[in-house]
C-alpha atoms as a PDB file:
ATOM      1  CA  MET A   1      -9.385  13.105 -28.506  1.00  0.00           C
ATOM      2  CA  VAL A   2      -6.544  12.439 -26.034  1.00  0.00           C
ATOM      3  CA  ASP A   3      -6.928   9.316 -23.914  1.00  0.00           C
ATOM      4  CA  LEU A   4      -7.112  10.334 -20.256  1.00  0.00           C
ATOM      5  CA  TYR A   5      -4.976   7.326 -19.301  1.00  0.00           C
ATOM      6  CA  PRO A   6      -2.733   6.470 -22.274  1.00  0.00           C
ATOM      7  CA  ILE A   7      -0.666   4.017 -20.234  1.00  0.00           C
ATOM      8  CA  PRO A   8      -2.687   0.776 -19.848  1.00  0.00           C
ATOM      9  CA  ILE A   9      -2.866   0.229 -16.094  1.00  0.00           C
ATOM     10  CA  ARG A  10      -5.678  -1.462 -14.159  1.00  0.00           C
ATOM     11  CA  ILE A  11      -5.982  -0.843 -10.425  1.00  0.00           C
ATOM     12  CA  ILE A  12      -8.132  -3.408  -8.630  1.00  0.00           C
ATOM     13  CA  PRO A  13      -9.191  -2.339  -5.120  1.00  0.00           C
ATOM     14  CA  SER A  14      -9.045  -4.680  -2.173  1.00  0.00           C
ATOM     15  CA  VAL A  15     -11.896  -6.377  -0.406  1.00  0.00           C
ATOM     16  CA  ARG A  16     -12.570  -4.807   2.995  1.00  0.00           C
ATOM     17  CA  PRO A  17     -10.281  -6.628   5.455  1.00  0.00           C
ATOM     18  CA  THR A  18     -11.252  -8.457   8.626  1.00  0.00           C
ATOM     19  CA  SER A  19      -9.226  -7.407  11.652  1.00  0.00           C
ATOM     20  CA  GLN A  20      -6.748  -9.901  13.041  1.00  0.00           C
ATOM     21  CA  ILE A  21      -6.093 -10.032  16.783  1.00  0.00           C
ATOM     22  CA  VAL A  22      -2.364 -10.542  17.322  1.00  0.00           C
ATOM     23  CA  PRO A  23       0.292 -10.349  20.061  1.00  0.00           C
ATOM     24  CA  LEU A  24       2.210  -7.136  20.669  1.00  0.00           C
ATOM     25  CA  ALA A  25       5.306  -8.690  19.079  1.00  0.00           C
ATOM     26  CA  THR A  26       3.428  -9.049  15.783  1.00  0.00           C
ATOM     27  CA  LEU A  27       2.310  -5.416  15.869  1.00  0.00           C
ATOM     28  CA  GLN A  28       5.872  -4.336  16.536  1.00  0.00           C
ATOM     29  CA  ARG A  29       7.200  -6.528  13.749  1.00  0.00           C
ATOM     30  CA  TRP A  30       4.815  -4.935  11.234  1.00  0.00           C
ATOM     31  CA  ALA A  31       5.624  -1.477  12.578  1.00  0.00           C
ATOM     32  CA  HIS A  32       9.357  -2.137  12.122  1.00  0.00           C
ATOM     33  CA  ALA A  33       8.776  -3.527   8.623  1.00  0.00           C
ATOM     34  CA  THR A  34       6.850  -0.438   7.548  1.00  0.00           C
ATOM     35  CA  GLY A  35       9.227   2.062   9.118  1.00  0.00           C
ATOM     36  CA  ASN A  36       6.980   3.189  11.961  1.00  0.00           C
ATOM     37  CA  PRO A  37       8.965   5.194  14.547  1.00  0.00           C
ATOM     38  CA  ASN A  38       6.654   3.945  17.332  1.00  0.00           C
ATOM     39  CA  ALA A  39       7.535   0.305  16.752  1.00  0.00           C
ATOM     40  CA  HIS A  40       9.369   0.081  20.069  1.00  0.00           C
ATOM     41  CA  HIS A  41       6.376   1.233  22.125  1.00  0.00           C
ATOM     42  CA  ARG A  42       4.704  -1.410  24.245  1.00  0.00           C
ATOM     43  CA  ASP A  43       1.271   0.243  24.284  1.00  0.00           C
ATOM     44  CA  MET A  44       0.488  -0.123  20.596  1.00  0.00           C
ATOM     45  CA  ALA A  45      -3.185  -0.772  19.865  1.00  0.00           C
ATOM     46  CA  GLY A  46      -3.237  -1.527  16.157  1.00  0.00           C
ATOM     47  CA  ILE A  47      -1.808  -1.028  12.715  1.00  0.00           C
ATOM     48  CA  THR A  48      -3.146  -1.040   9.160  1.00  0.00           C
ATOM     49  CA  VAL A  49      -0.713  -2.325   6.556  1.00  0.00           C
ATOM     50  CA  PRO A  50      -1.474  -1.406   2.914  1.00  0.00           C
ATOM     51  CA  GLY A  51       0.161  -3.228   0.037  1.00  0.00           C
ATOM     52  CA  ILE A  52       0.095  -3.865  -3.684  1.00  0.00           C
ATOM     53  CA  ARG A  53       0.669  -6.846  -5.923  1.00  0.00           C
ATOM     54  CA  LEU A  54       1.581  -6.512  -9.590  1.00  0.00           C
ATOM     55  CA  ASP A  55       0.410  -8.788 -12.381  1.00  0.00           C
ATOM     56  CA  THR A  56       2.266  -8.485 -15.692  1.00  0.00           C
ATOM     57  CA  SER A  57       0.945 -11.711 -17.214  1.00  0.00           C
ATOM     58  CA  SER A  58      -1.175  -9.925 -19.837  1.00  0.00           C
ATOM     59  CA  LEU A  59       1.728  -7.902 -21.247  1.00  0.00           C
ATOM     60  CA  GLN A  60       2.648  -8.904 -24.814  1.00  0.00           C
ATOM     61  CA  LEU A  61       6.047  -8.178 -26.337  1.00  0.00           C
ATOM     62  CA  ASP A  62       7.469  -7.625 -29.790  1.00  0.00           C
ATOM     63  CA  ARG A  63      10.785  -9.296 -30.608  1.00  0.00           C
ATOM     64  CA  THR A  64      13.459  -8.435 -33.136  1.00  0.00           C
ATOM     65  CA  ILE A  65      17.139  -8.936 -33.927  1.00  0.00           C
ATOM     66  CA  HIS A  66      19.240  -5.795 -33.985  1.00  0.00           C
ATOM     67  CA  GLU A  67      22.971  -5.971 -34.659  1.00  0.00           C
ATOM     68  CA  ARG A  68      22.856  -9.687 -33.881  1.00  0.00           C
ATOM     69  CA  ARG A  69      21.228  -9.073 -30.520  1.00  0.00           C
ATOM     70  CA  ALA A  70      17.731 -10.231 -29.604  1.00  0.00           C
ATOM     71  CA  GLN A  71      15.590  -7.366 -28.361  1.00  0.00           C
ATOM     72  CA  ILE A  72      12.104  -6.946 -26.912  1.00  0.00           C
ATOM     73  CA  ARG A  73       9.644  -4.128 -26.400  1.00  0.00           C
ATOM     74  CA  TYR A  74       6.058  -3.625 -25.270  1.00  0.00           C
ATOM     75  CA  ARG A  75       3.356  -4.401 -27.841  1.00  0.00           C
ATOM     76  CA  ALA A  76       0.014  -4.797 -26.025  1.00  0.00           C
ATOM     77  CA  GLY A  77      -1.693  -5.683 -22.759  1.00  0.00           C
ATOM     78  CA  SER A  78      -1.965  -3.924 -19.426  1.00  0.00           C
ATOM     79  CA  LEU A  79      -0.261  -3.772 -16.058  1.00  0.00           C
ATOM     80  CA  THR A  80      -2.628  -4.888 -13.283  1.00  0.00           C
ATOM     81  CA  ILE A  81      -2.169  -3.588  -9.742  1.00  0.00           C
ATOM     82  CA  ARG A  82      -4.089  -5.287  -6.944  1.00  0.00           C
ATOM     83  CA  VAL A  83      -4.375  -3.282  -3.743  1.00  0.00           C
ATOM     84  CA  TRP A  84      -4.830  -4.908  -0.326  1.00  0.00           C
ATOM     85  CA  ASN A  85      -5.016  -3.888   3.317  1.00  0.00           C
ATOM     86  CA  SER A  86      -4.433  -5.848   6.514  1.00  0.00           C
ATOM     87  CA  ILE A  87      -5.587  -4.700   9.957  1.00  0.00           C
ATOM     88  CA  TYR A  88      -3.894  -5.982  13.109  1.00  0.00           C
ATOM     89  CA  LEU A  89      -5.181  -5.241  16.622  1.00  0.00           C
ATOM     90  CA  SER A  90      -3.460  -5.958  19.920  1.00  0.00           C
ATOM     91  CA  ASP A  91      -4.650  -8.935  21.924  1.00  0.00           C
ATOM     92  CA  ARG A  92      -4.108  -6.773  25.018  1.00  0.00           C
ATOM     93  CA  LEU A  93      -7.230  -4.771  24.192  1.00  0.00           C
ATOM     94  CA  ASN A  94     -10.591  -5.806  25.599  1.00  0.00           C
ATOM     95  CA  GLU A  95     -13.541  -6.148  23.219  1.00  0.00           C
ATOM     96  CA  CYS A  96     -14.818  -2.641  23.907  1.00  0.00           C
ATOM     97  CA  GLU A  97     -11.435  -1.096  23.123  1.00  0.00           C
ATOM     98  CA  GLN A  98     -11.053  -3.271  20.038  1.00  0.00           C
ATOM     99  CA  ASP A  99     -14.281  -1.861  18.611  1.00  0.00           C
ATOM    100  CA  PHE A 100     -13.035   1.726  18.775  1.00  0.00           C
ATOM    101  CA  TRP A 101      -9.545   1.034  17.463  1.00  0.00           C
ATOM    102  CA  GLU A 102     -10.966  -1.160  14.708  1.00  0.00           C
ATOM    103  CA  ALA A 103     -13.172   1.748  13.609  1.00  0.00           C
ATOM    104  CA  HIS A 104     -10.067   3.946  13.511  1.00  0.00           C
ATOM    105  CA  GLU A 105      -8.220   1.390  11.401  1.00  0.00           C
ATOM    106  CA  MET A 106     -11.180   1.102   9.046  1.00  0.00           C
ATOM    107  CA  ASP A 107     -10.934   4.870   8.554  1.00  0.00           C
ATOM    108  CA  HIS A 108      -7.401   4.230   7.310  1.00  0.00           C
ATOM    109  CA  VAL A 109      -8.717   1.609   4.905  1.00  0.00           C
ATOM    110  CA  HIS A 110     -11.276   4.116   3.623  1.00  0.00           C
ATOM    111  CA  ASP A 111      -8.504   6.694   3.135  1.00  0.00           C
ATOM    112  CA  TYR A 112      -6.439   4.208   1.143  1.00  0.00           C
ATOM    113  CA  GLU A 113      -9.423   3.286  -1.009  1.00  0.00           C
ATOM    114  CA  GLN A 114      -9.498   6.897  -2.214  1.00  0.00           C
ATOM    115  CA  LEU A 115      -5.947   6.672  -3.571  1.00  0.00           C
ATOM    116  CA  SER A 116      -6.627   4.800  -6.812  1.00  0.00           C
ATOM    117  CA  HIS A 117      -7.057   8.013  -8.810  1.00  0.00           C
ATOM    118  CA  PRO A 118      -3.922   9.813  -7.548  1.00  0.00           C
ATOM    119  CA  LEU A 119      -1.976   6.554  -7.890  1.00  0.00           C
ATOM    120  CA  MET A 120      -3.093   6.264 -11.508  1.00  0.00           C
ATOM    121  CA  LEU A 121      -2.147   9.873 -12.235  1.00  0.00           C
ATOM    122  CA  ARG A 122       1.297   9.472 -10.681  1.00  0.00           C
ATOM    123  CA  LEU A 123       1.950   6.299 -12.663  1.00  0.00           C
ATOM    124  CA  GLN A 124       0.806   7.961 -15.890  1.00  0.00           C
ATOM    125  CA  GLY A 125       3.485  10.598 -15.371  1.00  0.00           C
ATOM    126  CA  ASN A 126       6.180   8.146 -14.306  1.00  0.00           C
ATOM    127  CA  ARG A 127       9.222   8.254 -16.610  1.00  0.00           C
ATOM    128  CA  PHE A 128       9.798   4.500 -16.725  1.00  0.00           C
ATOM    129  CA  MET A 129       6.124   3.774 -17.451  1.00  0.00           C
ATOM    130  CA  GLN A 130       6.200   6.258 -20.325  1.00  0.00           C
ATOM    131  CA  GLU A 131       9.432   4.779 -21.647  1.00  0.00           C
ATOM    132  CA  PHE A 132       8.112   1.227 -21.550  1.00  0.00           C
ATOM    133  CA  PHE A 133       4.500   1.685 -22.677  1.00  0.00           C
ATOM    134  CA  LEU A 134       4.380   4.856 -24.778  1.00  0.00           C
ATOM    135  CA  GLU A 135       7.844   5.111 -26.286  1.00  0.00           C
ATOM    136  CA  GLN A 136       8.049   1.314 -26.584  1.00  0.00           C
ATOM    137  CA  THR A 137      11.779   1.323 -25.940  1.00  0.00           C
ATOM    138  CA  TRP A 138      13.733  -1.729 -27.109  1.00  0.00           C
ATOM    139  CA  TYR A 139      15.580  -3.750 -24.468  1.00  0.00           C
ATOM    140  CA  ASP A 140      18.069  -6.571 -24.875  1.00  0.00           C
ATOM    141  CA  GLU A 141      16.300  -9.899 -24.442  1.00  0.00           C
ATOM    142  CA  ASN A 142      18.006 -11.854 -21.695  1.00  0.00           C
ATOM    143  CA  ARG A 143      17.252 -13.103 -18.210  1.00  0.00           C
ATOM    144  CA  GLN A 144      18.853 -10.110 -16.545  1.00  0.00           C
ATOM    145  CA  THR A 145      16.754  -7.656 -18.544  1.00  0.00           C
ATOM    146  CA  ILE A 146      13.487  -9.509 -17.866  1.00  0.00           C
ATOM    147  CA  THR A 147      14.274  -9.478 -14.141  1.00  0.00           C
ATOM    148  CA  TRP A 148      15.263  -5.805 -14.295  1.00  0.00           C
ATOM    149  CA  ILE A 149      11.981  -4.837 -15.980  1.00  0.00           C
ATOM    150  CA  ALA A 150       9.898  -6.773 -13.443  1.00  0.00           C
ATOM    151  CA  ASN A 151      11.829  -5.246 -10.538  1.00  0.00           C
ATOM    152  CA  ARG A 152      11.547  -1.774 -12.021  1.00  0.00           C
ATOM    153  CA  PHE A 153       7.776  -2.106 -12.298  1.00  0.00           C
ATOM    154  CA  MET A 154       7.570  -3.094  -8.631  1.00  0.00           C
ATOM    155  CA  THR A 155       9.998  -0.423  -7.463  1.00  0.00           C
ATOM    156  CA  GLU A 156       8.262   2.422  -9.269  1.00  0.00           C
ATOM    157  CA  CYS A 157       4.751   1.353  -8.237  1.00  0.00           C
ATOM    158  CA  ALA A 158       5.682   0.599  -4.629  1.00  0.00           C
ATOM    159  CA  GLN A 159       7.510   3.893  -4.162  1.00  0.00           C
ATOM    160  CA  ILE A 160       4.554   5.954  -5.339  1.00  0.00           C
ATOM    161  CA  PHE A 161       2.068   3.834  -3.392  1.00  0.00           C
ATOM    162  CA  GLN A 162       4.091   4.127  -0.183  1.00  0.00           C
ATOM    163  CA  GLN A 163       4.327   7.897  -0.554  1.00  0.00           C
ATOM    164  CA  LEU A 164       0.567   8.211  -1.020  1.00  0.00           C
ATOM    165  CA  THR A 165      -0.394   5.873   1.814  1.00  0.00           C
ATOM    166  CA  GLY A 166       2.226   7.415   4.074  1.00  0.00           C
ATOM    167  CA  ASP A 167       0.812  10.894   3.509  1.00  0.00           C
ATOM    168  CA  ALA A 168      -2.721   9.601   4.113  1.00  0.00           C
ATOM    169  CA  ALA A 169      -1.669   7.871   7.342  1.00  0.00           C
ATOM    170  CA  ARG A 170       0.027  10.966   8.709  1.00  0.00           C
ATOM    171  CA  HIS A 171      -3.024  13.049   7.863  1.00  0.00           C
ATOM    172  CA  ARG A 172      -5.259  10.626   9.782  1.00  0.00           C
ATOM    173  CA  ASP A 173      -2.976   9.891  12.732  1.00  0.00           C
ATOM    174  CA  THR A 174      -2.961  13.258  14.458  1.00  0.00           C
ATOM    175  CA  PRO A 175      -2.783  13.867  18.223  1.00  0.00           C
ATOM    176  CA  ALA A 176      -6.376  15.116  18.028  1.00  0.00           C
ATOM    177  CA  GLU A 177      -7.526  11.873  16.401  1.00  0.00           C
ATOM    178  CA  TYR A 178      -5.752   9.750  18.994  1.00  0.00           C
ATOM    179  CA  GLU A 179      -7.315  11.773  21.817  1.00  0.00           C
ATOM    180  CA  ARG A 180     -10.747  11.471  20.193  1.00  0.00           C
ATOM    181  CA  VAL A 181     -10.474   7.674  20.200  1.00  0.00           C
ATOM    182  CA  ARG A 182      -9.147   7.585  23.759  1.00  0.00           C
ATOM    183  CA  ALA A 183     -11.936   9.886  24.952  1.00  0.00           C
ATOM    184  CA  ARG A 184     -14.588   7.634  23.390  1.00  0.00           C
ATOM    185  CA  ILE A 185     -12.964   4.654  25.105  1.00  0.00           C
ATOM    186  CA  ARG A 186     -12.975   6.417  28.467  1.00  0.00           C
ATOM    187  CA  GLU A 187     -16.630   7.342  28.024  1.00  0.00           C
ATOM    188  CA  THR A 188     -17.814   3.969  26.800  1.00  0.00           C
ATOM    189  CA  CYS A 189     -15.489   1.364  28.257  1.00  0.00           C
ATOM    190  CA  THR A 190     -15.473   2.622  31.861  1.00  0.00           C
ATOM    191  CA  GLY A 191     -14.420  -0.137  34.202  1.00  0.00           C
ATOM    192  CA  ARG A 192     -12.993  -2.140  31.336  1.00  0.00           C
ATOM    193  CA  LEU A 193     -10.317   0.268  30.156  1.00  0.00           C
ATOM    194  CA  ARG A 194      -6.828  -1.138  30.021  1.00  0.00           C
ATOM    195  CA  ARG A 195      -3.764   0.081  28.210  1.00  0.00           C
ATOM    196  CA  PRO A 196      -2.685   0.138  25.421  1.00  0.00           C
ATOM    197  CA  THR A 197      -4.509   3.038  23.823  1.00  0.00           C
ATOM    198  CA  ARG A 198      -1.871   4.100  21.313  1.00  0.00           C
ATOM    199  CA  ARG A 199      -2.400   3.249  17.673  1.00  0.00           C
ATOM    200  CA  ALA A 200       0.647   2.547  15.535  1.00  0.00           C
ATOM    201  CA  SER A 201       0.245   3.926  12.039  1.00  0.00           C
ATOM    202  CA  GLU A 202       2.121   2.241   9.212  1.00  0.00           C
ATOM    203  CA  ARG A 203       3.947   5.414   8.279  1.00  0.00           C
ATOM    204  CA  GLY A 204       5.334   7.335  11.230  1.00  0.00           C
END
């Protein structure tokens, strides 16, 4: 029987985040950091920032001497990926507006929570992951190589994760969705409505 996930990776989902109320400058800073094209807008309402942290502490290595050079390769253990989300809302929103934009941001969190399976599948097919875990390629044992391996893990995982979350954000953040939220605000928060009513997604 073929193992569905031959590469030993554990994905640990995040705890549901609590929204943080922050100044516009903070929203813009996060939007810039995540490549959002609306980062310069001054009517941003909120942003959800997804992220991952890698834990390689359980990985065990074999060591050998080949042609007078120390070498290492994977022997056992798993790569652990912890997923997290942060929600930031503008302090320019009143409480009524915050409720609606927070619900929108929580929809983003829900979307991201559904990505563990596609993330796992993409990592299983990743060339570097296969090289390291399945082929158990030998690498020279030195500080530069250890740093290179750690950076390569992060680069490969982050790139795939950003592609998946970016696609999910664009699918959620449509003009129709924005208008739906604004319409609910107009209906419910009459007399309290103040700009901003634009939501800044984390991926353009």
